[in-house]
C-alpha atoms as a PDB file:
ATOM      1  CA  TYR A   1     131.152 -31.979 311.639  1.00  0.00           C
ATOM      2  CA  ILE A   2     129.155 -30.694 314.658  1.00  0.00           C
ATOM      3  CA  THR A   3     130.573 -28.450 317.370  1.00  0.00           C
ATOM      4  CA  ILE A   4     128.892 -28.056 320.672  1.00  0.00           C
ATOM      5  CA  GLN A   5     129.740 -25.199 323.042  1.00  0.00           C
ATOM      6  CA  HIS A   6     129.506 -26.383 326.639  1.00  0.00           C
ATOM      7  CA  ASP A   7     128.435 -24.281 329.643  1.00  0.00           C
ATOM      8  CA  ASP A   8     132.029 -24.415 330.984  1.00  0.00           C
ATOM      9  CA  GLY A   9     133.379 -22.758 327.882  1.00  0.00           C
ATOM     10  CA  GLU A  10     134.808 -25.880 326.318  1.00  0.00           C
ATOM     11  CA  PHE A  11     133.777 -27.240 322.876  1.00  0.00           C
ATOM     12  CA  SER A  12     133.250 -30.796 321.655  1.00  0.00           C
ATOM     13  CA  HIS A  13     133.666 -31.645 318.042  1.00  0.00           C
ATOM     14  CA  TYR A  14     132.182 -34.571 316.211  1.00  0.00           C
ATOM     15  CA  GLY A  15     133.516 -35.356 312.820  1.00  0.00           C
ATOM     16  CA  HIS A  16     132.979 -37.797 309.890  1.00  0.00           C
ATOM     17  CA  LEU A  17     129.241 -37.604 310.279  1.00  0.00           C
ATOM     18  CA  ARG A  18     126.983 -39.006 307.491  1.00  0.00           C
ATOM     19  CA  THR A  19     125.831 -36.279 305.080  1.00  0.00           C
ATOM     20  CA  ARG A  20     122.217 -35.160 305.497  1.00  0.00           C
ATOM     21  CA  THR A  21     121.643 -36.969 308.792  1.00  0.00           C
ATOM     22  CA  PHE A  22     122.226 -34.001 311.260  1.00  0.00           C
ATOM     23  CA  ARG A  23     119.344 -34.070 313.778  1.00  0.00           C
ATOM     24  CA  VAL A  24     120.325 -30.711 315.393  1.00  0.00           C
ATOM     25  CA  ARG A  25     120.491 -27.150 313.992  1.00  0.00           C
ATOM     26  CA  ASN A  26     122.803 -24.152 314.630  1.00  0.00           C
ATOM     27  CA  GLY A  27     122.006 -22.492 317.909  1.00  0.00           C
ATOM     28  CA  GLU A  28     119.864 -25.313 319.239  1.00  0.00           C
ATOM     29  CA  ARG A  29     120.536 -26.393 322.873  1.00  0.00           C
ATOM     30  CA  VAL A  30     121.258 -30.148 323.180  1.00  0.00           C
ATOM     31  CA  GLU A  31     121.056 -32.555 326.110  1.00  0.00           C
ATOM     32  CA  GLN A  32     123.431 -35.291 327.073  1.00  0.00           C
ATOM     33  CA  GLY A  33     122.571 -38.470 325.237  1.00  0.00           C
ATOM     34  CA  GLN A  34     120.734 -36.696 322.471  1.00  0.00           C
ATOM     35  CA  ALA A  35     121.435 -38.042 318.994  1.00  0.00           C
ATOM     36  CA  LEU A  36     123.223 -35.467 316.830  1.00  0.00           C
ATOM     37  CA  ALA A  37     123.683 -37.290 313.543  1.00  0.00           C
ATOM     38  CA  LEU A  38     124.694 -40.724 312.166  1.00  0.00           C
ATOM     39  CA  ALA A  39     128.350 -41.676 311.928  1.00  0.00           C
ATOM     40  CA  GLY A  40     129.806 -41.816 308.432  1.00  0.00           C
ATOM     41  CA  ASN A  41     132.952 -41.660 306.556  1.00  0.00           C
ATOM     42  CA  SER A  42     133.204 -38.139 305.226  1.00  0.00           C
ATOM     43  CA  GLY A  43     136.404 -36.452 304.181  1.00  0.00           C
ATOM     44  CA  TYR A  44     139.562 -38.599 303.612  1.00  0.00           C
ATOM     45  CA  SER A  45     138.486 -41.643 305.652  1.00  0.00           C
ATOM     46  CA  PHE A  46     137.888 -45.292 305.130  1.00  0.00           C
ATOM     47  CA  GLY A  47     134.878 -46.925 306.729  1.00  0.00           C
ATOM     48  CA  THR A  48     132.149 -45.636 309.140  1.00  0.00           C
ATOM     49  CA  HIS A  49     133.619 -44.060 312.221  1.00  0.00           C
ATOM     50  CA  LEU A  50     133.453 -40.919 314.375  1.00  0.00           C
ATOM     51  CA  HIS A  51     136.207 -38.509 315.482  1.00  0.00           C
ATOM     52  CA  VAL A  52     135.514 -36.828 318.843  1.00  0.00           C
ATOM     53  CA  GLN A  53     137.724 -34.117 320.437  1.00  0.00           C
ATOM     54  CA  VAL A  54     137.226 -31.516 323.196  1.00  0.00           C
ATOM     55  CA  THR A  55     138.911 -28.189 323.039  1.00  0.00           C
ATOM     56  CA  ARG A  56     139.085 -24.849 324.741  1.00  0.00           C
ATOM     57  CA  SER A  57     138.597 -23.032 321.484  1.00  0.00           C
ATOM     58  CA  GLN A  58     135.872 -23.107 318.950  1.00  0.00           C
ATOM     59  CA  ALA A  59     138.216 -23.952 316.122  1.00  0.00           C
ATOM     60  CA  ILE A  60     138.104 -27.655 315.316  1.00  0.00           C
ATOM     61  CA  SER A  61     141.860 -27.443 314.525  1.00  0.00           C
ATOM     62  CA  SER A  62     142.586 -26.622 318.211  1.00  0.00           C
ATOM     63  CA  PRO A  63     144.483 -29.314 320.146  1.00  0.00           C
ATOM     64  CA  SER A  64     142.219 -31.632 322.044  1.00  0.00           C
ATOM     65  CA  ILE A  65     142.241 -31.699 325.900  1.00  0.00           C
ATOM     66  CA  PRO A  66     141.803 -34.961 327.898  1.00  0.00           C
ATOM     67  CA  PHE A  67     138.265 -36.049 328.423  1.00  0.00           C
ATOM     68  CA  ARG A  68     136.298 -39.149 329.342  1.00  0.00           C
ATOM     69  CA  PHE A  69     133.042 -40.511 328.024  1.00  0.00           C
ATOM     70  CA  GLU A  70     130.260 -41.042 330.569  1.00  0.00           C
ATOM     71  CA  GLU A  71     127.766 -43.921 330.271  1.00  0.00           C
ATOM     72  CA  VAL A  72     124.352 -42.678 329.436  1.00  0.00           C
ATOM     73  CA  PRO A  73     121.290 -44.901 329.711  1.00  0.00           C
ATOM     74  CA  ALA A  74     119.648 -45.729 326.354  1.00  0.00           C
END
């Protein structure tokens, strides 16, 4: 999984990414719309998909808070 720390102190977590496809590194600043990795089916999952959650804590096990996706031009 990849965790991104946002400027407002929240964290977004992206899970079940395909192994060896990460396009970002630890500590790298990313921009909205930037590709992070390819979706996969890592862990105990069936089929390609992506889990996304936003938390107020860095721990991926923290409860997600409500969020909305924003359309980003390709």
